[in-house]
């Protein structure tokens, strides 16, 4: 997948508690990031209003990160609604319901399978009751990526530690979105991400898009920080 400008591969998560704060970052980062990600907290608070704001005020794509997990019929219907909203990406857990989501995304929404959250450690997976071989996050990611591919997903969300293996195993057309990105110049106190990589590492390993939140959001100049990440992306291409 080729992108001419680094910022087009950069996803900024609007992980903010109010519509007003989210709108401010949409305005600050317009033209500096290619995709705005709307997650559970903001969507529960602001719903379609924030999606319409992104559409009206920017040319950026929308990533609706709601991580659907329910019976297949319910996920299928919810996917149709999201598809009608015109979002670019939608996340669904790697579960049989993913098949119904892929079947119902008929208007261009890309369905992404959620493999293993970047906050999850091997000990967390053991506590969740995973079999010993799948307590290795990389093994579980590969297992779930195969599931996602089989169910018809367009790609997956995974950490930068697995993206190279995903690219090698599933080819260039299977999308990879990598969160848990930390530029070398950023320091995040109390970080809850346990599997992180730099922008250059993720892109050079084959990531199509990277998600960068706190290093941009908490910078004195968020737009400048986003530009620094975009430059690092371009150098890695």
Protein backbone atom coordinates (compact mmCIF):
# COMPACT_ATOMS: atom_id res chain seq x y z
CA UNK A 1 0.00 0.00 0.00
CA UNK A 2 1.57 3.33 -1.02
CA UNK A 3 0.91 6.69 0.56
CA UNK A 4 2.55 9.83 -0.77
CA UNK A 5 2.65 11.77 2.50
CA UNK A 6 3.53 10.58 5.95
CA UNK A 7 0.63 12.33 7.65
CA UNK A 8 -1.87 10.28 5.64
CA UNK A 9 -0.73 7.19 7.56
CA UNK A 10 -1.03 8.91 10.91
CA UNK A 11 -4.11 8.24 13.06
CA UNK A 12 -4.84 10.50 16.02
CA UNK A 13 -7.18 9.07 18.69
CA UNK A 14 -9.70 11.54 20.06
CA UNK A 15 -9.57 9.91 23.50
CA UNK A 16 -11.14 12.88 25.20
CA UNK A 17 -14.07 13.18 27.62
CA UNK A 18 -16.01 16.01 25.98
CA UNK A 19 -17.12 17.07 22.53
CA UNK A 20 -15.56 20.52 23.03
CA UNK A 21 -12.10 19.11 23.73
CA UNK A 22 -12.35 16.75 20.78
CA UNK A 23 -13.43 19.57 18.48
CA UNK A 24 -10.43 21.63 19.58
CA UNK A 25 -8.02 18.86 18.60
CA UNK A 26 -9.82 18.29 15.31
CA UNK A 27 -9.23 21.97 14.51
CA UNK A 28 -5.64 21.94 15.80
CA UNK A 29 -4.66 18.86 13.80
CA UNK A 30 -6.60 19.48 10.59
CA UNK A 31 -4.12 18.83 7.78
CA UNK A 32 -1.55 17.30 10.14
CA UNK A 33 -3.07 13.81 10.51
CA UNK A 34 -4.81 11.63 7.97
CA UNK A 35 -7.33 9.88 10.24
CA UNK A 36 -9.17 10.77 13.44
CA UNK A 37 -10.06 7.82 15.66
CA UNK A 38 -13.25 7.98 17.71
CA UNK A 39 -13.40 5.48 20.55
CA UNK A 40 -15.90 4.37 23.16
CA UNK A 41 -15.68 7.26 25.60
CA UNK A 42 -16.17 10.02 23.05
CA UNK A 43 -18.75 8.16 20.99
CA UNK A 44 -20.88 7.43 24.05
CA UNK A 45 -20.66 11.12 24.96
CA UNK A 46 -21.05 12.75 21.56
CA UNK A 47 -22.23 10.11 19.12
CA UNK A 48 -22.67 11.21 15.54
CA UNK A 49 -22.04 14.88 16.37
CA UNK A 50 -18.28 14.44 16.52
CA UNK A 51 -18.31 12.40 13.30
CA UNK A 52 -20.15 15.18 11.50
CA UNK A 53 -17.69 17.74 12.88
CA UNK A 54 -14.73 15.79 11.49
CA UNK A 55 -16.44 15.56 8.11
CA UNK A 56 -17.30 19.27 7.99
CA UNK A 57 -14.04 20.68 9.31
CA UNK A 58 -11.43 18.37 7.77
CA UNK A 59 -10.58 16.12 4.85
CA UNK A 60 -9.47 13.40 7.25
CA UNK A 61 -10.88 9.89 7.34
CA UNK A 62 -12.74 8.53 10.37
CA UNK A 63 -11.79 5.43 12.33
CA UNK A 64 -14.70 4.28 14.51
CA UNK A 65 -12.99 2.19 17.17
CA UNK A 66 -15.89 0.55 19.04
CA UNK A 67 -14.54 -3.01 19.09
CA UNK A 68 -17.87 -4.71 18.43
CA UNK A 69 -18.45 -8.05 20.14
CA UNK A 70 -21.93 -9.55 20.28
CA UNK A 71 -24.02 -12.19 18.57
CA UNK A 72 -23.44 -12.12 14.79
CA UNK A 73 -26.88 -10.73 13.92
CA UNK A 74 -26.45 -7.77 16.26
CA UNK A 75 -22.94 -7.01 15.03
CA UNK A 76 -24.14 -7.25 11.44
CA UNK A 77 -26.89 -4.69 12.02
CA UNK A 78 -24.56 -2.37 13.94
CA UNK A 79 -22.03 -2.60 11.11
CA UNK A 80 -24.68 -1.51 8.60
CA UNK A 81 -25.34 1.58 10.71
CA UNK A 82 -21.63 2.42 10.93
CA UNK A 83 -21.26 1.82 7.20
CA UNK A 84 -24.07 4.32 6.55
CA UNK A 85 -22.18 6.91 8.62
CA UNK A 86 -19.35 6.89 6.09
CA UNK A 87 -16.52 5.83 8.40
CA UNK A 88 -13.31 4.51 6.87
CA UNK A 89 -12.44 1.92 9.53
CA UNK A 90 -14.45 -0.06 12.07
CA UNK A 91 -13.08 -2.46 14.68
CA UNK A 92 -14.61 -5.82 15.58
CA UNK A 93 -13.15 -8.43 17.92
CA UNK A 94 -11.72 -11.57 16.30
CA UNK A 95 -14.79 -13.68 16.93
CA UNK A 96 -17.26 -15.43 14.58
CA UNK A 97 -19.33 -12.21 14.61
CA UNK A 98 -16.53 -10.69 12.50
CA UNK A 99 -17.81 -12.62 9.48
CA UNK A 100 -21.21 -10.94 9.69
CA UNK A 101 -19.57 -7.53 10.04
CA UNK A 102 -17.52 -8.09 6.89
CA UNK A 103 -20.61 -9.19 4.99
CA UNK A 104 -22.55 -6.07 6.00
CA UNK A 105 -19.88 -3.45 5.22
CA UNK A 106 -21.07 -2.81 1.68
CA UNK A 107 -20.39 0.92 1.35
CA UNK A 108 -16.64 1.00 1.74
CA UNK A 109 -16.02 0.70 5.48
CA UNK A 110 -12.92 -1.38 6.17
CA UNK A 111 -13.44 -3.99 8.86
CA UNK A 112 -10.49 -4.46 11.21
CA UNK A 113 -10.12 -7.43 13.53
CA UNK A 114 -8.92 -6.61 17.04
CA UNK A 115 -6.22 -9.16 17.89
CA UNK A 116 -4.57 -8.48 21.26
CA UNK A 117 -4.74 -5.11 23.00
CA UNK A 118 -1.31 -3.49 23.28
CA UNK A 119 -1.84 -3.14 27.03
CA UNK A 120 -2.08 -6.94 27.41
CA UNK A 121 0.86 -8.92 28.73
CA UNK A 122 1.52 -12.66 28.78
CA UNK A 123 0.44 -12.73 32.42
CA UNK A 124 -2.84 -11.02 31.51
CA UNK A 125 -3.51 -13.66 28.86
CA UNK A 126 -2.78 -16.43 31.35
CA UNK A 127 -5.27 -14.89 33.77
CA UNK A 128 -7.86 -14.81 30.97
CA UNK A 129 -7.51 -18.59 30.62
CA UNK A 130 -5.65 -18.77 27.33
CA UNK A 131 -3.89 -22.03 26.49
CA UNK A 132 -0.14 -21.99 27.23
CA UNK A 133 0.90 -21.55 23.58
CA UNK A 134 -1.49 -18.61 23.15
CA UNK A 135 -0.24 -16.83 26.27
CA UNK A 136 2.56 -15.55 24.05
CA UNK A 137 0.99 -12.36 22.62
CA UNK A 138 2.66 -12.88 19.24
CA UNK A 139 1.24 -16.39 18.90
CA UNK A 140 -2.23 -15.17 19.81
CA UNK A 141 -2.02 -12.27 17.35
CA UNK A 142 -1.05 -14.62 14.52
CA UNK A 143 -3.84 -17.02 15.47
CA UNK A 144 -6.44 -14.27 15.51
CA UNK A 145 -5.12 -12.64 12.35
CA UNK A 146 -5.69 -15.93 10.55
CA UNK A 147 -9.23 -15.97 11.96
CA UNK A 148 -9.83 -12.40 10.78
CA UNK A 149 -8.56 -13.16 7.30
CA UNK A 150 -10.77 -16.23 7.11
CA UNK A 151 -13.83 -14.30 8.20
CA UNK A 152 -13.30 -11.72 5.45
CA UNK A 153 -11.87 -8.80 7.44
CA UNK A 154 -9.88 -6.18 5.53
CA UNK A 155 -7.11 -6.18 8.10
CA UNK A 156 -6.26 -6.15 11.78
CA UNK A 157 -5.06 -4.03 14.66
CA UNK A 158 -1.81 -5.36 16.14
CA UNK A 159 1.33 -4.12 17.85
CA UNK A 160 4.52 -3.21 16.06
CA UNK A 161 6.11 -6.38 17.40
CA UNK A 162 3.88 -8.57 15.22
CA UNK A 163 3.34 -6.44 12.13
CA UNK A 164 6.31 -7.78 10.18
CA UNK A 165 5.16 -11.37 10.63
CA UNK A 166 1.61 -10.38 9.67
CA UNK A 167 2.84 -8.72 6.50
CA UNK A 168 4.96 -11.74 5.60
CA UNK A 169 2.16 -14.23 6.29
CA UNK A 170 -0.84 -12.44 4.80
CA UNK A 171 0.61 -10.23 2.07
CA UNK A 172 0.52 -6.52 1.19
CA UNK A 173 -3.25 -6.14 0.83
CA UNK A 174 -4.15 -7.15 4.39
CA UNK A 175 -4.28 -3.87 6.31
CA UNK A 176 -2.26 -3.42 9.48
CA UNK A 177 -3.00 -0.65 11.96
CA UNK A 178 -0.51 -0.33 14.81
CA UNK A 179 -1.26 1.45 18.11
CA UNK A 180 1.11 1.74 21.06
CA UNK A 181 3.44 4.04 19.13
CA UNK A 182 5.92 6.13 21.07
CA UNK A 183 8.41 8.38 19.22
CA UNK A 184 11.89 8.33 20.73
CA UNK A 185 11.52 11.99 21.71
CA UNK A 186 8.37 11.43 23.76
CA UNK A 187 8.18 10.38 27.37
CA UNK A 188 4.83 9.19 28.67
CA UNK A 189 4.53 8.88 32.45
CA UNK A 190 2.46 6.00 33.78
CA UNK A 191 2.25 4.43 30.34
CA UNK A 192 -0.24 1.53 30.17
CA UNK A 193 1.11 0.22 26.88
CA UNK A 194 3.35 -2.82 27.35
CA UNK A 195 4.19 -3.54 23.67
CA UNK A 196 5.36 -0.31 22.04
CA UNK A 197 7.40 0.69 18.98
CA UNK A 198 8.54 3.91 17.34
CA UNK A 199 6.86 5.29 14.20
CA UNK A 200 9.88 4.40 12.06
CA UNK A 201 10.02 0.85 13.41
CA UNK A 202 6.33 0.22 12.78
CA UNK A 203 6.34 1.62 9.25
CA UNK A 204 9.58 -0.09 8.25
CA UNK A 205 8.13 -3.41 9.44
CA UNK A 206 5.10 -2.97 7.18
CA UNK A 207 2.42 -1.04 9.09
CA UNK A 208 -0.09 0.71 6.86
CA UNK A 209 -1.20 3.14 9.56
CA UNK A 210 0.01 4.02 13.05
CA UNK A 211 -1.95 5.38 15.99
CA UNK A 212 -0.19 8.10 18.00
CA UNK A 213 -2.09 9.64 20.88
CA UNK A 214 -0.49 11.00 24.03
CA UNK A 215 2.84 12.11 22.47
CA UNK A 216 0.83 14.44 20.23
CA UNK A 217 -2.04 15.30 22.56
CA UNK A 218 0.22 16.20 25.50
CA UNK A 219 2.79 18.16 23.47
CA UNK A 220 3.05 21.91 23.90
CA UNK A 221 2.35 22.22 20.18
CA UNK A 222 0.28 19.21 19.02
CA UNK A 223 0.41 20.12 15.34
CA UNK A 224 4.19 20.38 15.45
CA UNK A 225 4.42 17.04 17.24
CA UNK A 226 2.19 15.44 14.58
CA UNK A 227 4.44 16.87 11.87
CA UNK A 228 7.49 15.34 13.55
CA UNK A 229 5.80 11.94 13.52
CA UNK A 230 4.81 12.39 9.86
CA UNK A 231 8.42 13.22 8.99
CA UNK A 232 9.60 10.07 10.75
CA UNK A 233 7.04 8.07 8.77
CA UNK A 234 8.23 9.50 5.48
CA UNK A 235 11.85 8.74 6.27
CA UNK A 236 10.91 5.11 6.98
CA UNK A 237 9.02 4.60 3.72
